[in-house]
PDB file of N, CA and C in Angstrom:
ATOM      1  N   MET A   1     141.101 -19.704 -20.739  1.00  0.00           N
ATOM      2  CA  MET A   1     140.901 -18.096 -20.248  1.00  0.00           C
ATOM      3  C   MET A   1     141.881 -17.840 -19.197  1.00  0.00           C
ATOM      4  N   HIS A   2     142.946 -17.756 -19.896  1.00  0.00           N
ATOM      5  CA  HIS A   2     144.103 -17.086 -19.473  1.00  0.00           C
ATOM      6  C   HIS A   2     143.675 -16.088 -18.077  1.00  0.00           C
ATOM      7  N   GLU A   3     142.253 -14.924 -18.118  1.00  0.00           N
ATOM      8  CA  GLU A   3     142.016 -14.263 -17.589  1.00  0.00           C
ATOM      9  C   GLU A   3     142.647 -14.638 -16.084  1.00  0.00           C
ATOM     10  N   LEU A   4     141.799 -15.673 -15.755  1.00  0.00           N
ATOM     11  CA  LEU A   4     141.680 -16.280 -14.632  1.00  0.00           C
ATOM     12  C   LEU A   4     142.830 -17.205 -13.800  1.00  0.00           C
ATOM     13  N   ALA A   5     144.383 -16.996 -14.599  1.00  0.00           N
ATOM     14  CA  ALA A   5     145.627 -17.139 -15.109  1.00  0.00           C
ATOM     15  C   ALA A   5     146.553 -16.158 -13.912  1.00  0.00           C
ATOM     16  N   LEU A   6     146.268 -15.140 -14.900  1.00  0.00           N
ATOM     17  CA  LEU A   6     146.702 -13.345 -14.738  1.00  0.00           C
ATOM     18  C   LEU A   6     145.913 -13.208 -13.313  1.00  0.00           C
ATOM     19  N   ALA A   7     144.272 -12.836 -13.432  1.00  0.00           N
ATOM     20  CA  ALA A   7     143.745 -12.341 -11.923  1.00  0.00           C
ATOM     21  C   ALA A   7     144.331 -12.918 -10.671  1.00  0.00           C
ATOM     22  N   CYS A   8     145.197 -14.323 -10.982  1.00  0.00           N
ATOM     23  CA  CYS A   8     145.461 -15.400  -9.582  1.00  0.00           C
ATOM     24  C   CYS A   8     147.302 -14.923  -9.583  1.00  0.00           C
ATOM     25  N   SER A   9     147.738 -13.939 -10.164  1.00  0.00           N
ATOM     26  CA  SER A   9     148.801 -13.739 -10.275  1.00  0.00           C
ATOM     27  C   SER A   9     149.264 -12.336  -9.978  1.00  0.00           C
ATOM     28  N   ILE A  10     148.161 -11.847 -10.137  1.00  0.00           N
ATOM     29  CA  ILE A  10     147.486 -10.426 -10.190  1.00  0.00           C
ATOM     30  C   ILE A  10     147.517 -10.976  -8.333  1.00  0.00           C
ATOM     31  N   VAL A  11     146.900 -11.031  -7.897  1.00  0.00           N
ATOM     32  CA  VAL A  11     146.200 -10.951  -6.573  1.00  0.00           C
ATOM     33  C   VAL A  11     147.599 -11.921  -5.403  1.00  0.00           C
ATOM     34  N   GLU A  12     148.296 -12.248  -5.459  1.00  0.00           N
ATOM     35  CA  GLU A  12     149.257 -13.580  -5.161  1.00  0.00           C
ATOM     36  C   GLU A  12     150.328 -11.937  -5.318  1.00  0.00           C
ATOM     37  N   THR A  13     150.582 -11.383  -6.363  1.00  0.00           N
ATOM     38  CA  THR A  13     151.973 -10.758  -6.623  1.00  0.00           C
ATOM     39  C   THR A  13     151.176  -9.292  -5.293  1.00  0.00           C
ATOM     40  N   ALA A  14     150.462  -8.895  -5.847  1.00  0.00           N
ATOM     41  CA  ALA A  14     149.100  -7.411  -4.843  1.00  0.00           C
ATOM     42  C   ALA A  14     149.285  -7.870  -3.004  1.00  0.00           C
ATOM     43  N   GLU A  15     149.310  -8.979  -2.861  1.00  0.00           N
ATOM     44  CA  GLU A  15     149.646 -10.034  -1.328  1.00  0.00           C
ATOM     45  C   GLU A  15     151.231  -9.917  -0.881  1.00  0.00           C
ATOM     46  N   GLU A  16     152.257 -10.050  -1.695  1.00  0.00           N
ATOM     47  CA  GLU A  16     153.304 -10.059  -1.642  1.00  0.00           C
ATOM     48  C   GLU A  16     154.076  -8.451  -0.822  1.00  0.00           C
ATOM     49  N   ALA A  17     153.341  -7.771  -2.086  1.00  0.00           N
ATOM     50  CA  ALA A  17     154.095  -6.630  -2.016  1.00  0.00           C
ATOM     51  C   ALA A  17     152.938  -6.169  -0.779  1.00  0.00           C
ATOM     52  N   ALA A  18     151.757  -6.439   0.081  1.00  0.00           N
ATOM     53  CA  ALA A  18     151.234  -5.617   0.940  1.00  0.00           C
ATOM     54  C   ALA A  18     151.831  -5.763   2.366  1.00  0.00           C
ATOM     55  N   GLU A  19     152.137  -7.475   2.586  1.00  0.00           N
ATOM     56  CA  GLU A  19     153.698  -8.082   3.414  1.00  0.00           C
ATOM     57  C   GLU A  19     152.178  -7.523   4.439  1.00  0.00           C
ATOM     58  N   GLY A  20     151.532  -8.309   4.022  1.00  0.00           N
ATOM     59  CA  GLY A  20     150.141  -9.463   5.731  1.00  0.00           C
ATOM     60  C   GLY A  20     149.225  -7.989   5.629  1.00  0.00           C
ATOM     61  N   ARG A  21     148.950  -7.010   5.328  1.00  0.00           N
ATOM     62  CA  ARG A  21     148.028  -5.442   5.472  1.00  0.00           C
ATOM     63  C   ARG A  21     147.122  -6.611   5.150  1.00  0.00           C
ATOM     64  N   ARG A  22     145.896  -5.317   5.111  1.00  0.00           N
ATOM     65  CA  ARG A  22     144.963  -5.178   3.887  1.00  0.00           C
ATOM     66  C   ARG A  22     145.124  -4.606   2.956  1.00  0.00           C
ATOM     67  N   VAL A  23     143.933  -5.103   1.081  1.00  0.00           N
ATOM     68  CA  VAL A  23     144.759  -4.202   0.179  1.00  0.00           C
ATOM     69  C   VAL A  23     143.309  -3.395  -0.067  1.00  0.00           C
ATOM     70  N   ALA A  24     143.281  -2.589   0.155  1.00  0.00           N
ATOM     71  CA  ALA A  24     142.415  -1.922  -0.410  1.00  0.00           C
ATOM     72  C   ALA A  24     141.861  -1.388  -1.884  1.00  0.00           C
ATOM     73  N   ARG A  25     143.243  -1.214  -2.996  1.00  0.00           N
ATOM     74  CA  ARG A  25     142.718  -0.994  -4.162  1.00  0.00           C
ATOM     75  C   ARG A  25     144.028  -1.157  -5.474  1.00  0.00           C
ATOM     76  N   VAL A  26     143.541  -1.750  -6.534  1.00  0.00           N
ATOM     77  CA  VAL A  26     144.685  -1.994  -7.179  1.00  0.00           C
ATOM     78  C   VAL A  26     144.581  -2.046  -8.071  1.00  0.00           C
ATOM     79  N   THR A  27     145.567  -1.313  -8.717  1.00  0.00           N
ATOM     80  CA  THR A  27     144.906  -0.397 -10.521  1.00  0.00           C
ATOM     81  C   THR A  27     146.147  -1.417 -11.743  1.00  0.00           C
ATOM     82  N   LEU A  28     145.468  -1.447 -12.449  1.00  0.00           N
ATOM     83  CA  LEU A  28     146.002  -2.676 -14.039  1.00  0.00           C
ATOM     84  C   LEU A  28     146.129  -1.437 -14.659  1.00  0.00           C
ATOM     85  N   VAL A  29     146.666  -1.382 -15.442  1.00  0.00           N
ATOM     86  CA  VAL A  29     147.210  -0.719 -17.002  1.00  0.00           C
ATOM     87  C   VAL A  29     147.347  -2.326 -18.173  1.00  0.00           C
ATOM     88  N   ILE A  30     145.617  -1.817 -18.595  1.00  0.00           N
ATOM     89  CA  ILE A  30     145.888  -2.714 -19.828  1.00  0.00           C
ATOM     90  C   ILE A  30     145.015  -2.642 -20.869  1.00  0.00           C
ATOM     91  N   GLY A  31     145.996  -3.108 -21.783  1.00  0.00           N
ATOM     92  CA  GLY A  31     146.429  -2.557 -23.032  1.00  0.00           C
ATOM     93  C   GLY A  31     145.163  -2.971 -23.693  1.00  0.00           C
ATOM     94  N   ARG A  32     144.758  -2.315 -25.254  1.00  0.00           N
ATOM     95  CA  ARG A  32     143.368  -2.655 -25.499  1.00  0.00           C
ATOM     96  C   ARG A  32     144.002  -3.788 -26.722  1.00  0.00           C
ATOM     97  N   LEU A  33     145.357  -3.890 -27.097  1.00  0.00           N
ATOM     98  CA  LEU A  33     145.565  -4.229 -27.921  1.00  0.00           C
ATOM     99  C   LEU A  33     146.273  -5.531 -27.189  1.00  0.00           C
ATOM    100  N   SER A  34     146.399  -5.387 -25.847  1.00  0.00           N
ATOM    101  CA  SER A  34     147.298  -6.469 -25.545  1.00  0.00           C
ATOM    102  C   SER A  34     146.027  -8.215 -25.408  1.00  0.00           C
ATOM    103  N   GLY A  35     144.998  -8.121 -25.711  1.00  0.00           N
ATOM    104  CA  GLY A  35     143.692  -9.310 -26.025  1.00  0.00           C
ATOM    105  C   GLY A  35     143.849  -9.645 -24.795  1.00  0.00           C
ATOM    106  N   VAL A  36     143.858  -8.946 -23.879  1.00  0.00           N
ATOM    107  CA  VAL A  36     142.813  -9.146 -21.865  1.00  0.00           C
ATOM    108  C   VAL A  36     141.996  -9.218 -22.112  1.00  0.00           C
ATOM    109  N   MET A  37     140.703  -9.722 -21.371  1.00  0.00           N
ATOM    110  CA  MET A  37     139.316  -8.662 -22.079  1.00  0.00           C
ATOM    111  C   MET A  37     139.378  -8.520 -20.008  1.00  0.00           C
ATOM    112  N   THR A  38     139.033  -7.315 -20.319  1.00  0.00           N
ATOM    113  CA  THR A  38     138.972  -6.935 -19.032  1.00  0.00           C
ATOM    114  C   THR A  38     137.857  -7.294 -17.946  1.00  0.00           C
ATOM    115  N   GLU A  39     136.753  -7.620 -18.481  1.00  0.00           N
ATOM    116  CA  GLU A  39     135.268  -7.863 -17.545  1.00  0.00           C
ATOM    117  C   GLU A  39     136.129  -9.153 -17.734  1.00  0.00           C
ATOM    118  N   ALA A  40     136.616  -9.551 -18.165  1.00  0.00           N
ATOM    119  CA  ALA A  40     136.595 -11.480 -17.352  1.00  0.00           C
ATOM    120  C   ALA A  40     138.253 -10.829 -16.016  1.00  0.00           C
ATOM    121  N   ILE A  41     138.387 -10.022 -16.104  1.00  0.00           N
ATOM    122  CA  ILE A  41     139.898  -9.918 -15.155  1.00  0.00           C
ATOM    123  C   ILE A  41     138.577  -9.187 -14.240  1.00  0.00           C
ATOM    124  N   ARG A  42     138.003  -8.367 -14.918  1.00  0.00           N
ATOM    125  CA  ARG A  42     137.304  -7.607 -13.522  1.00  0.00           C
ATOM    126  C   ARG A  42     136.684  -9.140 -12.531  1.00  0.00           C
ATOM    127  N   PHE A  43     135.957  -9.990 -13.402  1.00  0.00           N
ATOM    128  CA  PHE A  43     135.447 -11.131 -12.302  1.00  0.00           C
ATOM    129  C   PHE A  43     136.298 -11.911 -11.842  1.00  0.00           C
ATOM    130  N   CYS A  44     137.156 -12.408 -12.396  1.00  0.00           N
ATOM    131  CA  CYS A  44     137.869 -13.059 -12.146  1.00  0.00           C
ATOM    132  C   CYS A  44     138.632 -12.469 -10.684  1.00  0.00           C
ATOM    133  N   PHE A  45     139.529 -11.554 -10.497  1.00  0.00           N
ATOM    134  CA  PHE A  45     139.514 -10.709 -10.001  1.00  0.00           C
ATOM    135  C   PHE A  45     138.826 -10.682  -7.936  1.00  0.00           C
ATOM    136  N   GLY A  46     137.656 -10.874  -8.491  1.00  0.00           N
ATOM    137  CA  GLY A  46     136.313 -11.190  -7.229  1.00  0.00           C
ATOM    138  C   GLY A  46     136.429 -12.283  -6.576  1.00  0.00           C
ATOM    139  N   GLU A  47     136.819 -13.083  -7.421  1.00  0.00           N
ATOM    140  CA  GLU A  47     136.567 -14.880  -7.154  1.00  0.00           C
ATOM    141  C   GLU A  47     137.774 -14.985  -6.796  1.00  0.00           C
ATOM    142  N   VAL A  48     138.506 -14.316  -6.938  1.00  0.00           N
ATOM    143  CA  VAL A  48     139.956 -15.070  -6.246  1.00  0.00           C
ATOM    144  C   VAL A  48     140.729 -14.543  -5.151  1.00  0.00           C
ATOM    145  N   SER A  49     140.290 -13.061  -4.767  1.00  0.00           N
ATOM    146  CA  SER A  49     140.189 -12.360  -4.075  1.00  0.00           C
ATOM    147  C   SER A  49     139.888 -12.859  -3.126  1.00  0.00           C
ATOM    148  N   ARG A  50     138.977 -13.877  -2.495  1.00  0.00           N
ATOM    149  CA  ARG A  50     137.823 -14.303  -1.343  1.00  0.00           C
ATOM    150  C   ARG A  50     139.000 -14.901  -0.570  1.00  0.00           C
ATOM    151  N   GLY A  51     138.794 -13.669   0.672  1.00  0.00           N
ATOM    152  CA  GLY A  51     139.443 -14.426   1.778  1.00  0.00           C
ATOM    153  C   GLY A  51     140.909 -14.071   1.956  1.00  0.00           C
ATOM    154  N   THR A  52     141.652 -13.427   0.964  1.00  0.00           N
ATOM    155  CA  THR A  52     143.161 -13.016   1.179  1.00  0.00           C
ATOM    156  C   THR A  52     143.309 -11.519   1.725  1.00  0.00           C
ATOM    157  N   ALA A  53     144.002 -10.908   1.348  1.00  0.00           N
ATOM    158  CA  ALA A  53     144.546  -9.754   1.948  1.00  0.00           C
ATOM    159  C   ALA A  53     143.396  -9.229   0.869  1.00  0.00           C
ATOM    160  N   LEU A  54     143.625  -9.380  -0.791  1.00  0.00           N
ATOM    161  CA  LEU A  54     142.264  -8.362  -1.360  1.00  0.00           C
ATOM    162  C   LEU A  54     141.044  -8.996  -1.527  1.00  0.00           C
ATOM    163  N   ASP A  55     140.442  -9.465  -0.240  1.00  0.00           N
ATOM    164  CA  ASP A  55     138.340  -9.416  -0.626  1.00  0.00           C
ATOM    165  C   ASP A  55     138.116  -8.071   0.414  1.00  0.00           C
ATOM    166  N   ALA A  56     137.245  -7.798  -1.245  1.00  0.00           N
ATOM    167  CA  ALA A  56     136.737  -6.538  -0.993  1.00  0.00           C
ATOM    168  C   ALA A  56     137.688  -5.013  -1.543  1.00  0.00           C
ATOM    169  N   ALA A  57     138.998  -5.743  -2.082  1.00  0.00           N
ATOM    170  CA  ALA A  57     139.762  -4.392  -2.274  1.00  0.00           C
ATOM    171  C   ALA A  57     139.351  -4.273  -4.250  1.00  0.00           C
ATOM    172  N   THR A  58     139.267  -3.304  -4.105  1.00  0.00           N
ATOM    173  CA  THR A  58     138.699  -1.451  -5.897  1.00  0.00           C
ATOM    174  C   THR A  58     140.120  -2.221  -6.428  1.00  0.00           C
ATOM    175  N   LEU A  59     138.612  -3.143  -7.865  1.00  0.00           N
ATOM    176  CA  LEU A  59     140.676  -3.194  -9.346  1.00  0.00           C
ATOM    177  C   LEU A  59     140.167  -1.850 -10.211  1.00  0.00           C
ATOM    178  N   ASP A  60     140.833  -1.294 -10.347  1.00  0.00           N
ATOM    179  CA  ASP A  60     140.473   0.170 -11.831  1.00  0.00           C
ATOM    180  C   ASP A  60     141.473  -0.306 -12.130  1.00  0.00           C
ATOM    181  N   ILE A  61     140.712  -0.272 -13.108  1.00  0.00           N
ATOM    182  CA  ILE A  61     141.210  -0.725 -14.422  1.00  0.00           C
ATOM    183  C   ILE A  61     141.503   0.666 -16.001  1.00  0.00           C
ATOM    184  N   VAL A  62     142.367   0.558 -16.071  1.00  0.00           N
ATOM    185  CA  VAL A  62     142.916   1.826 -17.210  1.00  0.00           C
ATOM    186  C   VAL A  62     143.483   1.186 -18.436  1.00  0.00           C
ATOM    187  N   GLU A  63     142.739   1.367 -19.311  1.00  0.00           N
ATOM    188  CA  GLU A  63     142.563   1.096 -20.851  1.00  0.00           C
ATOM    189  C   GLU A  63     143.878   2.112 -21.533  1.00  0.00           C
ATOM    190  N   PRO A  64     144.780   1.884 -21.994  1.00  0.00           N
ATOM    191  CA  PRO A  64     145.103   2.863 -22.835  1.00  0.00           C
ATOM    192  C   PRO A  64     144.803   2.539 -24.563  1.00  0.00           C
ATOM    193  N   GLU A  65     144.557   3.611 -25.278  1.00  0.00           N
ATOM    194  CA  GLU A  65     144.042   3.066 -26.873  1.00  0.00           C
ATOM    195  C   GLU A  65     145.529   3.316 -27.047  1.00  0.00           C
ATOM    196  N   GLY A  66     146.046   1.811 -28.390  1.00  0.00           N
ATOM    197  CA  GLY A  66     146.746   1.435 -29.090  1.00  0.00           C
ATOM    198  C   GLY A  66     148.045   2.803 -30.242  1.00  0.00           C
ATOM    199  N   ARG A  67     148.614   2.788 -29.986  1.00  0.00           N
ATOM    200  CA  ARG A  67     149.537   3.502 -30.307  1.00  0.00           C
ATOM    201  C   ARG A  67     150.934   3.181 -31.100  1.00  0.00           C
ATOM    202  N   ALA A  68     151.164   3.218 -32.251  1.00  0.00           N
ATOM    203  CA  ALA A  68     152.606   3.111 -32.948  1.00  0.00           C
ATOM    204  C   ALA A  68     153.400   4.084 -33.152  1.00  0.00           C
ATOM    205  N   ARG A  69     154.118   3.942 -34.329  1.00  0.00           N
ATOM    206  CA  ARG A  69     154.709   4.538 -35.278  1.00  0.00           C
ATOM    207  C   ARG A  69     155.640   4.107 -36.738  1.00  0.00           C
ATOM    208  N   CYS A  70     155.519   5.018 -37.440  1.00  0.00           N
ATOM    209  CA  CYS A  70     155.215   4.444 -38.659  1.00  0.00           C
ATOM    210  C   CYS A  70     157.143   3.976 -38.843  1.00  0.00           C
ATOM    211  N   ASN A  71     158.340   3.197 -38.978  1.00  0.00           N
ATOM    212  CA  ASN A  71     159.323   2.926 -39.510  1.00  0.00           C
ATOM    213  C   ASN A  71     159.915   3.282 -40.297  1.00  0.00           C
ATOM    214  N   THR A  72     158.486   3.376 -41.847  1.00  0.00           N
ATOM    215  CA  THR A  72     158.448   4.104 -42.697  1.00  0.00           C
ATOM    216  C   THR A  72     158.808   5.591 -42.527  1.00  0.00           C
ATOM    217  N   CYS A  73     157.602   6.229 -42.760  1.00  0.00           N
ATOM    218  CA  CYS A  73     158.027   7.632 -42.733  1.00  0.00           C
ATOM    219  C   CYS A  73     157.839   8.404 -41.027  1.00  0.00           C
ATOM    220  N   GLY A  74     157.613   7.860 -39.781  1.00  0.00           N
ATOM    221  CA  GLY A  74     157.691   8.338 -38.839  1.00  0.00           C
ATOM    222  C   GLY A  74     156.700   8.898 -38.340  1.00  0.00           C
ATOM    223  N   ALA A  75     155.584   8.805 -39.023  1.00  0.00           N
ATOM    224  CA  ALA A  75     154.259   8.876 -38.402  1.00  0.00           C
ATOM    225  C   ALA A  75     154.015   8.573 -37.031  1.00  0.00           C
ATOM    226  N   GLU A  76     153.315   8.922 -36.040  1.00  0.00           N
ATOM    227  CA  GLU A  76     152.850   8.178 -35.008  1.00  0.00           C
ATOM    228  C   GLU A  76     151.389   8.189 -35.153  1.00  0.00           C
ATOM    229  N   PHE A  77     150.726   7.638 -34.475  1.00  0.00           N
ATOM    230  CA  PHE A  77     149.155   7.366 -34.663  1.00  0.00           C
ATOM    231  C   PHE A  77     148.747   6.451 -33.644  1.00  0.00           C
ATOM    232  N   GLU A  78     147.035   6.698 -33.737  1.00  0.00           N
ATOM    233  CA  GLU A  78     146.082   6.083 -32.872  1.00  0.00           C
ATOM    234  C   GLU A  78     146.053   3.893 -34.020  1.00  0.00           C
ATOM    235  N   THR A  79     146.406   3.017 -33.416  1.00  0.00           N
ATOM    236  CA  THR A  79     145.513   2.246 -33.927  1.00  0.00           C
ATOM    237  C   THR A  79     144.710   1.393 -32.628  1.00  0.00           C
ATOM    238  N   PRO A  80     143.421   0.877 -34.182  1.00  0.00           N
ATOM    239  CA  PRO A  80     142.296   0.610 -33.035  1.00  0.00           C
ATOM    240  C   PRO A  80     142.739  -1.127 -33.310  1.00  0.00           C
ATOM    241  N   ASP A  81     143.652  -1.770 -33.909  1.00  0.00           N
ATOM    242  CA  ASP A  81     143.659  -2.717 -33.948  1.00  0.00           C
ATOM    243  C   ASP A  81     145.137  -3.096 -34.148  1.00  0.00           C
ATOM    244  N   LEU A  82     145.903  -4.920 -33.934  1.00  0.00           N
ATOM    245  CA  LEU A  82     146.747  -5.048 -34.863  1.00  0.00           C
ATOM    246  C   LEU A  82     147.162  -4.586 -35.981  1.00  0.00           C
ATOM    247  N   LEU A  83     145.881  -4.640 -36.426  1.00  0.00           N
ATOM    248  CA  LEU A  83     146.299  -5.054 -38.527  1.00  0.00           C
ATOM    249  C   LEU A  83     145.815  -3.746 -38.656  1.00  0.00           C
ATOM    250  N   THR A  84     146.215  -2.788 -38.525  1.00  0.00           N
ATOM    251  CA  THR A  84     146.346  -1.594 -38.757  1.00  0.00           C
ATOM    252  C   THR A  84     147.683  -0.824 -39.254  1.00  0.00           C
ATOM    253  N   THR A  85     147.585  -0.445 -40.616  1.00  0.00           N
ATOM    254  CA  THR A  85     148.780  -0.028 -41.292  1.00  0.00           C
ATOM    255  C   THR A  85     148.275   1.924 -41.225  1.00  0.00           C
ATOM    256  N   CYS A  86     149.695   1.951 -41.400  1.00  0.00           N
ATOM    257  CA  CYS A  86     150.056   3.781 -41.497  1.00  0.00           C
ATOM    258  C   CYS A  86     149.533   4.646 -42.979  1.00  0.00           C
ATOM    259  N   ARG A  87     148.829   5.118 -42.968  1.00  0.00           N
ATOM    260  CA  ARG A  87     149.079   5.757 -43.933  1.00  0.00           C
ATOM    261  C   ARG A  87     149.916   6.511 -44.695  1.00  0.00           C
ATOM    262  N   CYS A  88     150.892   6.338 -45.380  1.00  0.00           N
ATOM    263  CA  CYS A  88     151.843   5.790 -45.550  1.00  0.00           C
ATOM    264  C   CYS A  88     151.920   4.355 -46.648  1.00  0.00           C
ATOM    265  N   GLY A  89     150.854   3.310 -46.371  1.00  0.00           N
ATOM    266  CA  GLY A  89     150.686   2.264 -46.468  1.00  0.00           C
ATOM    267  C   GLY A  89     151.607   1.530 -46.011  1.00  0.00           C
ATOM    268  N   SER A  90     152.510   1.728 -45.069  1.00  0.00           N
ATOM    269  CA  SER A  90     153.781   0.136 -44.544  1.00  0.00           C
ATOM    270  C   SER A  90     153.408  -0.566 -42.981  1.00  0.00           C
ATOM    271  N   LEU A  91     153.658  -1.168 -43.400  1.00  0.00           N
ATOM    272  CA  LEU A  91     153.506  -2.396 -42.716  1.00  0.00           C
ATOM    273  C   LEU A  91     154.493  -2.871 -41.190  1.00  0.00           C
ATOM    274  N   GLU A  92     155.402  -1.725 -41.659  1.00  0.00           N
ATOM    275  CA  GLU A  92     156.400  -1.524 -40.239  1.00  0.00           C
ATOM    276  C   GLU A  92     156.385  -0.880 -39.691  1.00  0.00           C
ATOM    277  N   LEU A  93     155.805  -1.539 -38.750  1.00  0.00           N
ATOM    278  CA  LEU A  93     155.702  -0.485 -36.917  1.00  0.00           C
ATOM    279  C   LEU A  93     156.306  -0.324 -35.787  1.00  0.00           C
ATOM    280  N   THR A  94     156.106   0.065 -35.524  1.00  0.00           N
ATOM    281  CA  THR A  94     156.980  -0.186 -33.375  1.00  0.00           C
ATOM    282  C   THR A  94     155.587   0.106 -33.390  1.00  0.00           C
ATOM    283  N   ARG A  95     155.243  -0.404 -31.740  1.00  0.00           N
ATOM    284  CA  ARG A  95     154.070  -0.462 -31.330  1.00  0.00           C
ATOM    285  C   ARG A  95     154.655   0.486 -29.942  1.00  0.00           C
ATOM    286  N   LEU A  96     153.944   1.256 -30.119  1.00  0.00           N
ATOM    287  CA  LEU A  96     154.407   2.399 -28.396  1.00  0.00           C
ATOM    288  C   LEU A  96     153.365   2.307 -27.045  1.00  0.00           C
ATOM    289  N   ALA A  97     152.431   1.503 -26.890  1.00  0.00           N
ATOM    290  CA  ALA A  97     151.019   2.011 -26.469  1.00  0.00           C
ATOM    291  C   ALA A  97     150.160   0.517 -26.479  1.00  0.00           C
ATOM    292  N   GLY A  98     149.750   0.093 -26.179  1.00  0.00           N
ATOM    293  CA  GLY A  98     148.360  -0.473 -26.322  1.00  0.00           C
ATOM    294  C   GLY A  98     148.407  -2.615 -25.788  1.00  0.00           C
ATOM    295  N   GLN A  99     149.618  -2.180 -25.560  1.00  0.00           N
ATOM    296  CA  GLN A  99     149.886  -3.836 -25.826  1.00  0.00           C
ATOM    297  C   GLN A  99     150.475  -4.243 -24.410  1.00  0.00           C
ATOM    298  N   GLU A 100     150.415  -3.299 -22.816  1.00  0.00           N
ATOM    299  CA  GLU A 100     151.206  -3.204 -22.027  1.00  0.00           C
ATOM    300  C   GLU A 100     149.710  -4.027 -21.401  1.00  0.00           C
ATOM    301  N   LEU A 101     150.506  -4.971 -19.921  1.00  0.00           N
ATOM    302  CA  LEU A 101     149.687  -4.989 -18.824  1.00  0.00           C
ATOM    303  C   LEU A 101     150.756  -4.837 -17.316  1.00  0.00           C
ATOM    304  N   THR A 102     150.687  -4.124 -16.407  1.00  0.00           N
ATOM    305  CA  THR A 102     151.541  -4.012 -15.880  1.00  0.00           C
ATOM    306  C   THR A 102     150.221  -3.139 -13.802  1.00  0.00           C
ATOM    307  N   ILE A 103     151.035  -4.238 -13.258  1.00  0.00           N
ATOM    308  CA  ILE A 103     149.669  -3.535 -12.268  1.00  0.00           C
ATOM    309  C   ILE A 103     150.778  -2.130 -11.942  1.00  0.00           C
ATOM    310  N   LYS A 104     150.087  -1.228 -11.825  1.00  0.00           N
ATOM    311  CA  LYS A 104     150.507   0.597 -12.289  1.00  0.00           C
ATOM    312  C   LYS A 104     151.010   0.939 -10.370  1.00  0.00           C
ATOM    313  N   SER A 105     149.834  -0.058  -9.300  1.00  0.00           N
ATOM    314  CA  SER A 105     149.359   0.398  -8.040  1.00  0.00           C
ATOM    315  C   SER A 105     148.660  -0.222  -7.332  1.00  0.00           C
ATOM    316  N   ILE A 106     149.768  -0.298  -6.446  1.00  0.00           N
ATOM    317  CA  ILE A 106     148.683  -0.974  -5.019  1.00  0.00           C
ATOM    318  C   ILE A 106     148.269  -0.599  -3.306  1.00  0.00           C
ATOM    319  N   GLU A 107     146.905  -0.095  -3.270  1.00  0.00           N
ATOM    320  CA  GLU A 107     146.802   1.262  -1.996  1.00  0.00           C
ATOM    321  C   GLU A 107     147.115  -0.295  -0.398  1.00  0.00           C
ATOM    322  N   VAL A 108     147.545  -0.035  -0.062  1.00  0.00           N
ATOM    323  CA  VAL A 108     147.066  -0.689   1.231  1.00  0.00           C
ATOM    324  C   VAL A 108     146.802   0.064   2.544  1.00  0.00           C
ATOM    325  N   LEU A 109     146.852  -0.844   3.013  1.00  0.00           N
ATOM    326  CA  LEU A 109     145.607   0.148   4.915  1.00  0.00           C
ATOM    327  C   LEU A 109     146.457  -0.044   5.524  1.00  0.00           C
ATOM    328  N   GLU A 110     147.537   0.758   6.306  1.00  0.00           N
ATOM    329  CA  GLU A 110     147.655   0.596   7.449  1.00  0.00           C
ATOM    330  C   GLU A 110     147.659   0.325   8.587  1.00  0.00           C
ATOM    331  N   THR A 111     148.054  -1.004   9.308  1.00  0.00           N
ATOM    332  CA  THR A 111     147.263  -1.635  10.624  1.00  0.00           C
ATOM    333  C   THR A 111     147.400  -0.466  11.626  1.00  0.00           C
ATOM    334  N   ALA A 112     146.412  -0.822  12.854  1.00  0.00           N
ATOM    335  CA  ALA A 112     146.984   0.076  13.663  1.00  0.00           C
ATOM    336  C   ALA A 112     147.366  -0.127  14.739  1.00  0.00           C
TER     337      ALA A 112
END
């Protein structure tokens, strides 16, 4: 399950960015074509964040739809999966969205 390794990396990165402060919220962008199971990320995040600066932090996940541009006719369209073809029949596509996996934001609590 690579989601466990991803969750560990997310927690580690957020802890480094927080510089010793408590983290209240982490927002991720996980594209629907990324191959990452968001529910597994949620579960793993809760487990690996215990006892860290992210303990009890909220995890928000934004899941953009897949989008592509046809390199043949120039049409832009939604791609619900990686096997979608353009309506012109072309398979030569440039992926515009849906494969990303990024930490969009980390909200930290100020120390008293």
